[in-house]
N, C-alpha and C. Protein backbone atom coordinates (compact mmCIF):
# COMPACT_ATOMS: atom_id res chain seq x y z
N MET A 1 -14.05 6.24 -0.51
CA MET A 1 -14.43 5.31 0.54
C MET A 1 -15.35 4.29 0.04
N THR A 2 -15.63 3.24 0.65
CA THR A 2 -16.61 2.24 0.32
C THR A 2 -17.22 1.81 1.57
N ASN A 3 -18.46 1.17 1.42
CA ASN A 3 -19.10 0.54 2.62
C ASN A 3 -18.35 -0.60 3.14
N SER A 4 -18.19 -0.88 4.42
CA SER A 4 -17.56 -1.91 5.00
C SER A 4 -18.60 -2.93 5.56
N PRO A 5 -18.30 -4.24 5.78
CA PRO A 5 -19.33 -5.07 6.06
C PRO A 5 -20.04 -4.72 7.44
N ASP A 6 -19.55 -4.05 8.23
CA ASP A 6 -20.07 -3.67 9.57
C ASP A 6 -20.86 -2.35 9.49
N GLY A 7 -21.18 -1.90 8.23
CA GLY A 7 -21.98 -0.70 8.02
C GLY A 7 -21.31 0.64 8.01
N GLY A 8 -19.94 0.57 8.34
CA GLY A 8 -19.24 1.78 8.45
C GLY A 8 -18.62 2.05 7.05
N TYR A 9 -17.59 2.89 7.06
CA TYR A 9 -16.96 3.16 5.70
C TYR A 9 -15.42 2.68 5.79
N GLU A 10 -14.97 2.10 4.76
CA GLU A 10 -13.66 1.66 4.61
C GLU A 10 -12.77 2.61 3.71
N LEU A 11 -11.63 3.04 4.11
CA LEU A 11 -10.89 3.79 3.34
C LEU A 11 -10.31 3.14 2.20
N GLY A 12 -10.09 3.85 0.94
CA GLY A 12 -9.49 3.32 -0.14
C GLY A 12 -8.04 2.91 0.15
N THR A 13 -7.46 2.30 -0.87
CA THR A 13 -6.04 1.84 -0.76
C THR A 13 -5.05 3.14 -0.45
N ALA A 14 -5.22 4.13 -1.25
CA ALA A 14 -4.26 5.15 -1.05
C ALA A 14 -4.64 5.93 0.16
N ALA A 15 -5.86 6.10 0.54
CA ALA A 15 -6.15 6.81 1.87
C ALA A 15 -5.58 5.99 3.14
N ARG A 16 -5.64 4.81 2.99
CA ARG A 16 -5.13 3.97 4.06
C ARG A 16 -3.74 4.05 4.14
N ILE A 17 -2.93 3.96 3.11
CA ILE A 17 -1.49 4.14 3.05
C ILE A 17 -1.04 5.58 3.53
N HIS A 18 -1.73 6.53 3.07
CA HIS A 18 -1.46 8.01 3.44
C HIS A 18 -1.56 8.07 4.92
N ALA A 19 -2.79 7.54 5.46
CA ALA A 19 -3.05 7.73 6.93
C ALA A 19 -1.85 6.99 7.74
N TYR A 20 -1.36 5.87 7.19
CA TYR A 20 -0.35 4.98 7.95
C TYR A 20 0.92 5.94 7.98
N ILE A 21 1.27 6.44 6.85
CA ILE A 21 2.51 7.30 6.68
C ILE A 21 2.41 8.53 7.52
N VAL A 22 1.29 9.22 7.43
CA VAL A 22 1.18 10.36 8.35
C VAL A 22 1.36 10.02 9.79
N GLU A 23 0.66 8.99 10.25
CA GLU A 23 0.52 8.61 11.60
C GLU A 23 1.98 7.96 12.11
N SER A 24 2.67 7.23 11.25
CA SER A 24 3.95 6.52 11.60
C SER A 24 5.20 7.31 11.46
N PHE A 25 5.16 8.15 10.38
CA PHE A 25 6.37 8.94 10.14
C PHE A 25 6.33 10.52 10.20
N LEU A 26 5.12 10.91 10.26
CA LEU A 26 5.02 12.38 10.41
C LEU A 26 4.26 12.75 11.72
N PHE A 27 4.10 11.78 12.56
CA PHE A 27 3.58 11.81 13.85
C PHE A 27 2.19 12.63 13.95
N GLY A 28 1.41 12.20 12.93
CA GLY A 28 0.08 12.81 12.83
C GLY A 28 -0.10 14.11 12.28
N ASP A 29 1.07 14.69 11.81
CA ASP A 29 1.09 16.17 11.25
C ASP A 29 1.19 16.05 9.72
N ASP A 30 -0.09 16.06 9.15
CA ASP A 30 -0.32 16.03 7.69
C ASP A 30 -0.09 17.49 7.09
N ASP A 31 0.98 17.93 7.01
CA ASP A 31 1.29 19.29 6.67
C ASP A 31 1.50 19.43 5.13
N GLY A 32 0.36 19.23 4.35
CA GLY A 32 0.61 19.47 2.96
C GLY A 32 1.23 18.33 2.17
N PHE A 33 1.45 17.15 2.87
CA PHE A 33 2.02 15.96 2.18
C PHE A 33 1.06 15.43 1.08
N GLY A 34 1.51 15.43 -0.13
CA GLY A 34 0.70 15.11 -1.33
C GLY A 34 0.99 13.50 -1.72
N ASP A 35 0.08 12.89 -2.21
CA ASP A 35 0.08 11.50 -2.59
C ASP A 35 1.22 11.24 -3.77
N ALA A 36 1.32 12.29 -4.37
CA ALA A 36 2.31 12.09 -5.59
C ALA A 36 3.77 12.38 -5.24
N ASP A 37 4.01 12.92 -4.08
CA ASP A 37 5.31 13.39 -3.43
C ASP A 37 6.19 12.11 -3.37
N SER A 38 7.35 12.29 -3.60
CA SER A 38 8.42 11.25 -3.42
C SER A 38 8.58 11.23 -1.96
N LEU A 39 8.45 10.02 -1.34
CA LEU A 39 8.60 9.71 0.01
C LEU A 39 9.99 9.98 0.51
N ILE A 40 11.05 9.40 -0.41
CA ILE A 40 12.29 9.50 -0.02
C ILE A 40 12.98 10.87 -0.44
N GLU A 41 12.76 11.39 -1.47
CA GLU A 41 13.34 12.79 -1.82
C GLU A 41 12.75 13.90 -0.76
N SER A 42 11.49 13.68 -0.43
CA SER A 42 10.93 14.61 0.62
C SER A 42 11.38 14.49 1.92
N GLY A 43 12.17 13.30 2.19
CA GLY A 43 12.64 13.17 3.58
C GLY A 43 11.54 12.57 4.51
N VAL A 44 10.39 12.14 4.10
CA VAL A 44 9.43 11.47 4.78
C VAL A 44 9.86 10.22 5.32
N ILE A 45 10.57 9.39 4.45
CA ILE A 45 11.05 8.04 4.92
C ILE A 45 12.52 7.84 4.33
N ASP A 46 13.18 6.88 5.06
CA ASP A 46 14.58 6.43 4.55
C ASP A 46 14.35 4.98 4.24
N SER A 47 15.47 4.44 4.05
CA SER A 47 15.43 2.93 3.75
C SER A 47 14.70 2.08 4.88
N THR A 48 15.00 2.48 5.93
CA THR A 48 14.34 1.67 7.06
C THR A 48 12.73 1.93 7.02
N GLY A 49 12.39 3.10 6.68
CA GLY A 49 10.96 3.42 6.53
C GLY A 49 10.36 2.56 5.50
N VAL A 50 11.12 2.38 4.34
CA VAL A 50 10.62 1.66 3.15
C VAL A 50 10.20 0.14 3.78
N MET A 51 11.12 -0.38 4.46
CA MET A 51 10.74 -1.64 5.06
C MET A 51 9.69 -1.69 6.02
N GLU A 52 9.52 -0.61 6.75
CA GLU A 52 8.37 -0.49 7.59
C GLU A 52 7.04 -0.47 6.85
N ILE A 53 7.10 0.29 5.75
CA ILE A 53 5.89 0.44 4.84
C ILE A 53 5.51 -0.93 4.21
N VAL A 54 6.65 -1.65 3.73
CA VAL A 54 6.44 -3.02 3.23
C VAL A 54 5.78 -3.97 4.17
N ALA A 55 6.31 -3.90 5.48
CA ALA A 55 5.64 -4.76 6.37
C ALA A 55 4.24 -4.40 6.79
N PHE A 56 3.81 -3.13 6.63
CA PHE A 56 2.45 -2.58 6.89
C PHE A 56 1.61 -3.09 5.70
N LEU A 57 2.04 -2.98 4.35
CA LEU A 57 1.45 -3.49 3.21
C LEU A 57 0.98 -4.96 3.33
N GLU A 58 2.18 -5.60 3.63
CA GLU A 58 1.91 -7.15 3.84
C GLU A 58 0.93 -7.51 4.83
N GLU A 59 0.95 -6.84 5.93
CA GLU A 59 -0.05 -7.21 6.96
C GLU A 59 -1.43 -6.69 6.77
N THR A 60 -1.46 -5.39 6.26
CA THR A 60 -2.74 -4.71 5.99
C THR A 60 -3.62 -5.39 4.86
N PHE A 61 -2.84 -5.63 3.74
CA PHE A 61 -3.50 -6.11 2.53
C PHE A 61 -3.33 -7.65 2.34
N ALA A 62 -2.76 -8.28 3.21
CA ALA A 62 -2.47 -9.71 3.10
C ALA A 62 -1.71 -10.07 1.84
N LEU A 63 -0.72 -9.40 1.65
CA LEU A 63 0.39 -9.51 0.49
C LEU A 63 1.62 -10.18 0.86
N GLU A 64 2.18 -10.83 -0.05
CA GLU A 64 3.53 -11.18 0.22
C GLU A 64 4.49 -10.65 -0.84
N ILE A 65 5.15 -9.65 -0.54
CA ILE A 65 5.98 -8.72 -1.45
C ILE A 65 7.22 -9.33 -1.78
N ASP A 66 7.62 -9.53 -3.05
CA ASP A 66 8.89 -10.16 -3.35
C ASP A 66 9.95 -9.11 -3.37
N GLU A 67 11.24 -9.52 -3.09
CA GLU A 67 12.25 -8.59 -3.08
C GLU A 67 12.45 -7.83 -4.31
N GLU A 68 12.24 -8.54 -5.56
CA GLU A 68 12.36 -7.83 -6.87
C GLU A 68 11.33 -6.75 -7.03
N ASP A 69 10.34 -6.79 -6.19
CA ASP A 69 9.20 -5.62 -6.22
C ASP A 69 9.63 -4.36 -5.39
N LEU A 70 10.89 -4.55 -4.54
CA LEU A 70 11.08 -3.43 -3.85
C LEU A 70 11.94 -2.42 -4.58
N ILE A 71 11.25 -1.70 -5.62
CA ILE A 71 11.88 -0.68 -6.29
C ILE A 71 11.13 0.72 -6.27
N ALA A 72 11.82 1.85 -6.64
CA ALA A 72 11.08 2.98 -6.44
C ALA A 72 9.84 3.17 -7.23
N ASP A 73 9.81 2.53 -8.40
CA ASP A 73 8.62 2.56 -9.42
C ASP A 73 7.32 2.10 -8.56
N ASN A 74 7.55 1.28 -7.44
CA ASN A 74 6.34 0.81 -6.73
C ASN A 74 6.29 1.39 -5.46
N LEU A 75 7.29 2.01 -4.94
CA LEU A 75 7.28 2.24 -3.39
C LEU A 75 7.62 3.72 -3.04
N ASP A 76 7.84 4.68 -3.95
CA ASP A 76 8.21 6.05 -3.77
C ASP A 76 7.32 7.00 -3.51
N SER A 77 5.93 6.74 -3.60
CA SER A 77 4.94 7.72 -3.31
C SER A 77 3.66 6.89 -2.79
N VAL A 78 2.80 7.70 -2.37
CA VAL A 78 1.49 7.02 -1.92
C VAL A 78 0.81 6.50 -3.18
N GLU A 79 0.74 7.35 -4.26
CA GLU A 79 0.23 6.91 -5.42
C GLU A 79 0.80 5.73 -6.05
N ARG A 80 2.15 5.51 -5.95
CA ARG A 80 2.84 4.39 -6.50
C ARG A 80 2.66 3.05 -5.64
N LEU A 81 2.64 3.30 -4.20
CA LEU A 81 2.32 2.33 -3.33
C LEU A 81 0.91 1.85 -3.66
N ALA A 82 -0.21 2.61 -3.83
CA ALA A 82 -1.51 2.16 -3.81
C ALA A 82 -1.77 1.56 -5.29
N THR A 83 -1.18 1.90 -6.24
CA THR A 83 -1.16 1.37 -7.63
C THR A 83 -0.61 -0.08 -7.51
N PHE A 84 0.53 -0.23 -6.84
CA PHE A 84 1.22 -1.50 -6.80
C PHE A 84 0.41 -2.43 -5.90
N VAL A 85 -0.01 -1.96 -4.83
CA VAL A 85 -1.03 -2.88 -3.94
C VAL A 85 -2.18 -3.43 -4.72
N ASP A 86 -2.88 -2.39 -5.42
CA ASP A 86 -4.18 -2.78 -6.09
C ASP A 86 -3.78 -3.72 -7.19
N ARG A 87 -2.69 -3.50 -7.91
CA ARG A 87 -2.14 -4.46 -9.12
C ARG A 87 -1.87 -5.84 -8.37
N GLN A 88 -1.20 -5.96 -7.19
CA GLN A 88 -1.00 -7.14 -6.51
C GLN A 88 -2.32 -7.84 -6.21
N LEU A 89 -3.28 -7.17 -5.66
CA LEU A 89 -4.47 -7.56 -5.28
C LEU A 89 -5.31 -8.30 -6.43
N VAL A 90 -5.30 -7.50 -7.56
CA VAL A 90 -6.00 -8.09 -8.71
C VAL A 90 -5.30 -9.19 -9.22
N HIS A 91 -3.93 -9.19 -9.19
CA HIS A 91 -3.07 -10.35 -9.73
C HIS A 91 -3.27 -11.60 -8.89
N GLY A 92 -3.32 -11.41 -7.54
CA GLY A 92 -3.52 -12.44 -6.69
C GLY A 92 -4.91 -13.04 -6.80
N ALA A 93 -5.94 -12.30 -6.94
CA ALA A 93 -7.27 -12.70 -7.11
C ALA A 93 -7.35 -13.56 -8.34
N GLY A 94 -6.78 -13.03 -9.38
CA GLY A 94 -6.82 -13.85 -10.70
C GLY A 94 -6.14 -15.10 -10.67
N HIS A 95 -5.11 -15.17 -10.02
CA HIS A 95 -4.26 -16.47 -9.76
C HIS A 95 -5.07 -17.49 -8.98
N ARG A 96 -5.68 -17.05 -7.93
CA ARG A 96 -6.39 -17.97 -7.22
C ARG A 96 -7.66 -18.43 -8.06
N ALA A 97 -8.36 -17.68 -8.84
CA ALA A 97 -9.33 -18.15 -9.67
C ALA A 97 -8.82 -19.17 -10.63
N ASP A 98 -7.75 -18.89 -11.14
CA ASP A 98 -7.09 -19.74 -12.23
C ASP A 98 -6.84 -21.18 -11.59
N VAL A 99 -6.27 -21.14 -10.42
CA VAL A 99 -6.05 -22.31 -9.68
C VAL A 99 -7.35 -23.10 -9.33
N GLU A 100 -8.21 -22.45 -8.92
CA GLU A 100 -9.54 -22.84 -8.48
C GLU A 100 -10.22 -23.59 -9.71
N GLY A 101 -10.18 -22.74 -10.79
CA GLY A 101 -10.78 -23.18 -12.01
C GLY A 101 -10.17 -24.56 -12.69
N THR A 102 -8.97 -24.79 -12.38
CA THR A 102 -8.30 -25.98 -12.93
C THR A 102 -8.61 -27.24 -12.02
N ALA A 103 -9.10 -27.06 -10.87
CA ALA A 103 -9.32 -28.18 -9.96
C ALA A 103 -10.58 -28.99 -10.34
N SER A 104 -11.42 -28.44 -11.18
CA SER A 104 -12.69 -29.29 -11.47
C SER A 104 -12.60 -30.18 -12.59
């Protein structure tokens, strides 16, 4: 957790994703669901659920996820989702800095 601008605490990427999945797909019942567990193999989500998670990620983290990124390596567990999101956020921030740096 990190401090948020309003003085409260903000959940980390994995915790936010985990909380969303528990609330949206497990109806609030976090019964031993681990962040490394395969979401599809464990039956937590199906292909429609994957698209719901993608929409959540795009809205929550202000991402635009390309179709080519919709692969199990990125989306099949909370850990993989969090790693993917964090990588996208770093890549996006670096890209904006490069663009801004060339404007001067």
